[in-house]
N, C-alpha and C. Protein backbone atom coordinates (compact mmCIF):
# COMPACT_ATOMS: atom_id res chain seq x y z
N MET A 1 29.19 -4.28 -59.21
CA MET A 1 28.62 -3.19 -58.46
C MET A 1 27.36 -3.62 -57.73
N ILE A 2 26.65 -4.54 -58.29
CA ILE A 2 25.42 -5.01 -57.64
C ILE A 2 25.76 -5.65 -56.31
N ARG A 3 26.83 -6.39 -56.29
CA ARG A 3 27.21 -7.04 -55.04
C ARG A 3 27.55 -6.02 -53.96
N ALA A 4 28.24 -4.96 -54.30
CA ALA A 4 28.60 -3.95 -53.32
C ALA A 4 27.37 -3.21 -52.81
N SER A 5 26.46 -2.89 -53.72
CA SER A 5 25.24 -2.20 -53.30
C SER A 5 24.33 -3.14 -52.51
N THR A 6 24.30 -4.40 -52.86
CA THR A 6 23.51 -5.37 -52.10
C THR A 6 24.08 -5.52 -50.70
N ALA A 7 25.38 -5.60 -50.59
CA ALA A 7 26.03 -5.72 -49.29
C ALA A 7 25.77 -4.47 -48.45
N ALA A 8 25.83 -3.30 -49.07
CA ALA A 8 25.58 -2.05 -48.36
C ALA A 8 24.13 -1.98 -47.88
N ALA A 9 23.21 -2.39 -48.75
CA ALA A 9 21.79 -2.37 -48.39
C ALA A 9 21.51 -3.36 -47.26
N LEU A 10 22.14 -4.52 -47.33
CA LEU A 10 21.96 -5.52 -46.29
C LEU A 10 22.53 -5.01 -44.96
N ALA A 11 23.68 -4.38 -44.99
CA ALA A 11 24.28 -3.83 -43.77
C ALA A 11 23.40 -2.73 -43.20
N LEU A 12 22.88 -1.85 -44.06
CA LEU A 12 22.02 -0.76 -43.61
C LEU A 12 20.73 -1.29 -42.99
N SER A 13 20.13 -2.29 -43.64
CA SER A 13 18.88 -2.85 -43.11
C SER A 13 19.11 -3.55 -41.77
N THR A 14 20.28 -4.19 -41.61
CA THR A 14 20.61 -4.83 -40.34
C THR A 14 20.73 -3.78 -39.23
N ILE A 15 21.38 -2.68 -39.54
CA ILE A 15 21.53 -1.61 -38.55
C ILE A 15 20.17 -1.02 -38.19
N LEU A 16 19.33 -0.78 -39.21
CA LEU A 16 18.01 -0.20 -38.94
C LEU A 16 17.13 -1.15 -38.14
N LEU A 17 17.18 -2.44 -38.46
CA LEU A 17 16.39 -3.40 -37.69
C LEU A 17 16.87 -3.48 -36.25
N GLY A 18 18.17 -3.42 -36.06
CA GLY A 18 18.71 -3.44 -34.70
C GLY A 18 18.26 -2.23 -33.91
N ALA A 19 18.18 -1.09 -34.55
CA ALA A 19 17.76 0.13 -33.88
C ALA A 19 16.28 0.10 -33.55
N CYS A 20 15.51 -0.64 -34.31
CA CYS A 20 14.06 -0.68 -34.09
C CYS A 20 13.63 -1.70 -33.05
N GLN A 21 14.51 -2.59 -32.64
CA GLN A 21 14.12 -3.60 -31.68
C GLN A 21 13.83 -2.95 -30.33
N VAL A 22 12.80 -3.39 -29.70
CA VAL A 22 12.41 -2.86 -28.40
C VAL A 22 12.73 -3.92 -27.36
N THR A 23 13.44 -3.52 -26.34
CA THR A 23 13.75 -4.43 -25.25
C THR A 23 12.54 -4.51 -24.34
N ARG A 24 12.05 -5.69 -24.14
CA ARG A 24 10.90 -5.88 -23.27
C ARG A 24 11.39 -5.95 -21.83
N GLN A 25 10.94 -5.02 -21.02
CA GLN A 25 11.36 -4.97 -19.63
C GLN A 25 10.43 -5.80 -18.78
N GLN A 26 10.99 -6.41 -17.77
CA GLN A 26 10.19 -7.16 -16.80
C GLN A 26 9.49 -6.14 -15.91
N THR A 27 8.20 -6.21 -15.83
CA THR A 27 7.46 -5.31 -14.95
C THR A 27 6.84 -6.14 -13.85
N PRO A 28 6.81 -5.61 -12.64
CA PRO A 28 6.21 -6.36 -11.54
C PRO A 28 4.72 -6.50 -11.75
N PRO A 29 4.13 -7.53 -11.18
CA PRO A 29 2.68 -7.67 -11.30
C PRO A 29 1.99 -6.49 -10.63
N PRO A 30 0.78 -6.16 -11.07
CA PRO A 30 0.09 -5.03 -10.46
C PRO A 30 -0.13 -5.26 -8.97
N ALA A 31 -0.03 -4.19 -8.22
CA ALA A 31 -0.24 -4.28 -6.78
C ALA A 31 -1.69 -4.65 -6.48
N THR A 32 -1.86 -5.52 -5.52
CA THR A 32 -3.20 -5.93 -5.14
C THR A 32 -3.59 -5.32 -3.80
N GLY A 33 -2.79 -4.36 -3.34
CA GLY A 33 -3.04 -3.75 -2.05
C GLY A 33 -4.27 -2.85 -2.06
N THR A 34 -4.56 -2.35 -0.88
CA THR A 34 -5.70 -1.46 -0.72
C THR A 34 -5.21 -0.07 -0.34
N ALA A 35 -6.10 0.86 -0.27
CA ALA A 35 -5.77 2.23 0.11
C ALA A 35 -5.28 2.30 1.55
N MET A 36 -5.55 1.31 2.37
CA MET A 36 -5.10 1.30 3.76
C MET A 36 -3.71 0.69 3.92
N ASP A 37 -3.25 -0.07 2.96
CA ASP A 37 -1.96 -0.73 3.10
C ASP A 37 -0.84 0.30 3.28
N GLY A 38 0.01 0.06 4.26
CA GLY A 38 1.12 0.96 4.54
C GLY A 38 1.20 1.27 6.02
N SER A 39 1.96 2.31 6.32
CA SER A 39 2.18 2.73 7.72
C SER A 39 1.34 3.95 8.03
N TRP A 40 0.75 3.94 9.22
CA TRP A 40 -0.12 5.03 9.68
C TRP A 40 0.25 5.37 11.12
N ALA A 41 -0.08 6.58 11.53
CA ALA A 41 0.15 7.00 12.92
C ALA A 41 -1.09 7.72 13.41
N SER A 42 -1.38 7.56 14.71
CA SER A 42 -2.49 8.31 15.29
C SER A 42 -2.07 9.76 15.37
N THR A 43 -3.01 10.66 15.13
CA THR A 43 -2.68 12.08 15.13
C THR A 43 -2.37 12.60 16.53
N ASP A 44 -2.71 11.83 17.58
CA ASP A 44 -2.36 12.25 18.94
C ASP A 44 -0.95 11.78 19.33
N GLY A 45 -0.28 11.06 18.44
CA GLY A 45 1.09 10.62 18.68
C GLY A 45 1.25 9.43 19.59
N VAL A 46 0.15 8.72 19.91
CA VAL A 46 0.20 7.61 20.85
C VAL A 46 0.66 6.31 20.19
N PHE A 47 0.17 6.01 18.99
CA PHE A 47 0.51 4.74 18.37
C PHE A 47 0.76 4.88 16.87
N VAL A 48 1.45 3.86 16.35
CA VAL A 48 1.66 3.70 14.92
C VAL A 48 1.09 2.34 14.54
N ALA A 49 0.69 2.20 13.29
CA ALA A 49 0.10 0.94 12.85
C ALA A 49 0.58 0.60 11.44
N SER A 50 0.74 -0.67 11.21
CA SER A 50 1.14 -1.18 9.91
C SER A 50 0.00 -2.03 9.36
N PHE A 51 -0.51 -1.64 8.18
CA PHE A 51 -1.63 -2.33 7.54
C PHE A 51 -1.12 -3.03 6.28
N GLN A 52 -1.47 -4.29 6.13
CA GLN A 52 -1.06 -5.02 4.93
C GLN A 52 -1.97 -6.22 4.71
N GLY A 53 -2.56 -6.28 3.54
CA GLY A 53 -3.31 -7.47 3.13
C GLY A 53 -4.46 -7.86 4.02
N GLY A 54 -5.13 -6.90 4.63
CA GLY A 54 -6.29 -7.20 5.46
C GLY A 54 -5.98 -7.38 6.94
N SER A 55 -4.70 -7.29 7.33
CA SER A 55 -4.31 -7.42 8.73
C SER A 55 -3.54 -6.17 9.16
N PHE A 56 -3.57 -5.89 10.45
CA PHE A 56 -2.78 -4.78 10.96
C PHE A 56 -2.29 -5.06 12.37
N THR A 57 -1.22 -4.36 12.72
CA THR A 57 -0.66 -4.38 14.06
C THR A 57 -0.38 -2.94 14.46
N SER A 58 -0.78 -2.57 15.66
CA SER A 58 -0.47 -1.23 16.16
C SER A 58 0.49 -1.37 17.34
N ARG A 59 1.35 -0.35 17.48
CA ARG A 59 2.36 -0.34 18.53
C ARG A 59 2.41 1.03 19.20
N PHE A 60 2.68 1.03 20.52
CA PHE A 60 2.90 2.28 21.24
C PHE A 60 4.15 2.95 20.68
N VAL A 61 4.10 4.24 20.46
CA VAL A 61 5.24 4.98 19.94
C VAL A 61 6.40 4.95 20.93
N LYS A 62 6.13 5.20 22.21
CA LYS A 62 7.20 5.33 23.21
C LYS A 62 7.94 4.03 23.49
N THR A 63 7.22 2.89 23.51
CA THR A 63 7.83 1.63 23.93
C THR A 63 7.96 0.59 22.81
N ASN A 64 7.28 0.82 21.70
CA ASN A 64 7.22 -0.12 20.57
C ASN A 64 6.50 -1.42 20.93
N GLU A 65 5.82 -1.45 22.07
CA GLU A 65 5.04 -2.63 22.48
C GLU A 65 3.79 -2.74 21.61
N VAL A 66 3.39 -3.97 21.32
CA VAL A 66 2.18 -4.19 20.55
C VAL A 66 0.97 -3.75 21.36
N LEU A 67 0.18 -2.90 20.76
CA LEU A 67 -1.05 -2.39 21.38
C LEU A 67 -2.23 -3.28 20.99
N ALA A 68 -2.31 -3.60 19.69
CA ALA A 68 -3.44 -4.39 19.19
C ALA A 68 -3.05 -5.08 17.89
N GLN A 69 -3.77 -6.16 17.59
CA GLN A 69 -3.64 -6.85 16.32
C GLN A 69 -5.04 -7.12 15.81
N GLY A 70 -5.23 -6.92 14.51
CA GLY A 70 -6.57 -7.10 13.99
C GLY A 70 -6.63 -7.23 12.48
N THR A 71 -7.85 -7.08 12.00
CA THR A 71 -8.12 -7.18 10.57
C THR A 71 -8.90 -5.95 10.12
N TYR A 72 -8.90 -5.73 8.82
CA TYR A 72 -9.66 -4.62 8.26
C TYR A 72 -10.16 -5.00 6.87
N SER A 73 -11.23 -4.32 6.48
CA SER A 73 -11.77 -4.50 5.13
C SER A 73 -12.25 -3.15 4.62
N LEU A 74 -12.20 -3.00 3.32
CA LEU A 74 -12.62 -1.75 2.70
C LEU A 74 -13.82 -1.97 1.80
N THR A 75 -14.72 -1.01 1.84
CA THR A 75 -15.84 -0.93 0.91
C THR A 75 -15.89 0.53 0.47
N GLY A 76 -15.36 0.79 -0.71
CA GLY A 76 -15.26 2.17 -1.17
C GLY A 76 -14.33 2.94 -0.27
N ALA A 77 -14.81 4.06 0.28
CA ALA A 77 -14.01 4.89 1.17
C ALA A 77 -14.24 4.54 2.64
N GLN A 78 -14.97 3.46 2.89
CA GLN A 78 -15.26 3.03 4.27
C GLN A 78 -14.34 1.87 4.66
N VAL A 79 -13.85 1.93 5.90
CA VAL A 79 -12.96 0.90 6.42
C VAL A 79 -13.59 0.33 7.68
N ALA A 80 -13.70 -0.98 7.75
CA ALA A 80 -14.18 -1.65 8.96
C ALA A 80 -12.98 -2.33 9.60
N MET A 81 -12.74 -2.04 10.88
CA MET A 81 -11.62 -2.63 11.62
C MET A 81 -12.13 -3.42 12.81
N GLN A 82 -11.50 -4.56 13.05
CA GLN A 82 -11.75 -5.36 14.24
C GLN A 82 -10.38 -5.73 14.79
N TRP A 83 -10.21 -5.65 16.12
CA TRP A 83 -8.92 -5.98 16.70
C TRP A 83 -9.06 -6.51 18.10
N LEU A 84 -7.98 -7.11 18.57
CA LEU A 84 -7.87 -7.59 19.94
C LEU A 84 -6.89 -6.67 20.66
N SER A 85 -7.35 -6.05 21.73
CA SER A 85 -6.48 -5.22 22.56
C SER A 85 -5.58 -6.14 23.37
N VAL A 86 -4.28 -5.97 23.24
CA VAL A 86 -3.34 -6.82 23.96
C VAL A 86 -3.46 -6.60 25.47
N ALA A 87 -3.60 -5.36 25.90
CA ALA A 87 -3.66 -5.04 27.33
C ALA A 87 -4.88 -5.62 28.02
N THR A 88 -6.05 -5.51 27.38
CA THR A 88 -7.29 -5.94 28.04
C THR A 88 -7.82 -7.27 27.53
N GLN A 89 -7.24 -7.77 26.44
CA GLN A 89 -7.71 -9.01 25.79
C GLN A 89 -9.16 -8.91 25.37
N GLU A 90 -9.61 -7.69 25.05
CA GLU A 90 -10.98 -7.45 24.59
C GLU A 90 -11.00 -7.24 23.09
N GLN A 91 -12.06 -7.73 22.47
CA GLN A 91 -12.28 -7.48 21.05
C GLN A 91 -12.87 -6.09 20.90
N ARG A 92 -12.36 -5.33 19.95
CA ARG A 92 -12.87 -3.99 19.68
C ARG A 92 -13.08 -3.84 18.19
N SER A 93 -13.81 -2.77 17.83
CA SER A 93 -14.04 -2.51 16.41
C SER A 93 -14.26 -1.02 16.19
N ALA A 94 -14.09 -0.63 14.95
CA ALA A 94 -14.32 0.77 14.58
C ALA A 94 -14.78 0.83 13.14
N SER A 95 -15.58 1.84 12.85
CA SER A 95 -15.99 2.17 11.49
C SER A 95 -15.23 3.43 11.11
N CYS A 96 -14.54 3.38 9.99
CA CYS A 96 -13.67 4.48 9.60
C CYS A 96 -14.01 4.94 8.19
N SER A 97 -13.60 6.16 7.90
CA SER A 97 -13.78 6.69 6.55
C SER A 97 -12.60 7.59 6.20
N PHE A 98 -12.23 7.55 4.93
CA PHE A 98 -11.16 8.42 4.45
C PHE A 98 -11.68 9.85 4.41
N THR A 99 -10.92 10.75 5.00
CA THR A 99 -11.26 12.17 4.94
C THR A 99 -10.32 12.88 3.99
N GLY A 100 -9.39 12.15 3.43
CA GLY A 100 -8.42 12.62 2.45
C GLY A 100 -7.62 11.40 2.02
N ALA A 101 -6.75 11.57 1.06
CA ALA A 101 -5.97 10.43 0.57
C ALA A 101 -5.09 9.83 1.67
N ASN A 102 -4.66 10.65 2.62
CA ASN A 102 -3.75 10.20 3.66
C ASN A 102 -4.29 10.38 5.07
N ASP A 103 -5.60 10.54 5.20
CA ASP A 103 -6.23 10.76 6.50
C ASP A 103 -7.47 9.89 6.64
N VAL A 104 -7.60 9.29 7.82
CA VAL A 104 -8.75 8.42 8.11
C VAL A 104 -9.31 8.80 9.48
N HIS A 105 -10.62 8.93 9.55
CA HIS A 105 -11.31 9.20 10.82
C HIS A 105 -12.06 7.94 11.22
N CYS A 106 -11.88 7.51 12.48
CA CYS A 106 -12.51 6.29 12.97
C CYS A 106 -13.38 6.56 14.19
N GLU A 107 -14.52 5.91 14.23
CA GLU A 107 -15.42 5.94 15.38
C GLU A 107 -15.49 4.52 15.94
N GLN A 108 -15.11 4.37 17.21
CA GLN A 108 -15.12 3.06 17.83
C GLN A 108 -16.53 2.67 18.27
N ALA A 109 -16.82 1.39 18.16
CA ALA A 109 -18.08 0.87 18.68
C ALA A 109 -18.06 1.10 20.19
N GLY A 110 -19.12 1.64 20.74
CA GLY A 110 -19.18 1.92 22.16
C GLY A 110 -18.70 3.32 22.52
N GLY A 111 -18.27 4.09 21.53
CA GLY A 111 -17.88 5.47 21.78
C GLY A 111 -16.39 5.73 21.64
N GLY A 112 -16.09 6.97 21.37
CA GLY A 112 -14.70 7.37 21.20
C GLY A 112 -14.27 7.27 19.74
N GLY A 113 -13.26 8.01 19.42
CA GLY A 113 -12.77 7.99 18.05
C GLY A 113 -11.29 8.29 18.00
N PHE A 114 -10.72 8.13 16.84
CA PHE A 114 -9.32 8.46 16.62
C PHE A 114 -9.10 8.78 15.15
N GLU A 115 -8.00 9.45 14.90
CA GLU A 115 -7.62 9.85 13.54
C GLU A 115 -6.30 9.19 13.20
N LEU A 116 -6.18 8.75 11.96
CA LEU A 116 -4.94 8.19 11.46
C LEU A 116 -4.42 9.02 10.30
N ARG A 117 -3.11 9.14 10.22
CA ARG A 117 -2.47 9.85 9.10
C ARG A 117 -1.37 8.93 8.54
N ARG A 118 -1.37 8.80 7.22
CA ARG A 118 -0.38 7.94 6.56
C ARG A 118 1.02 8.50 6.79
N THR A 119 1.95 7.59 7.10
CA THR A 119 3.35 7.98 7.27
C THR A 119 4.22 7.43 6.16
N ALA A 120 3.76 6.39 5.49
CA ALA A 120 4.51 5.81 4.35
C ALA A 120 3.59 4.95 3.53
């Protein structure tokens, strides 16, 4: 009888141990992106921009032509942008701030401003 009870206990413990095993899932590394990374559109409907890893490209909505290419950096809720206008070949810049999680207001150096809204 000891052998039967030992075999039963061994079988039960094997089942319980199998049920307790946790499968370790592969998780992707944490994102190193910034709050600006992603797709944005000007609220006037003129251009869309893609921001990723400190660089961005903006394109005219109607023609998909490149409007500008540049860089950006974040300090808290402040965004500094510098870009080259493709049409004029002039360097431009803007100081921007988040006005919401998906909204950014920018003031260009030399005057003028624009608003961006996250699209993705």
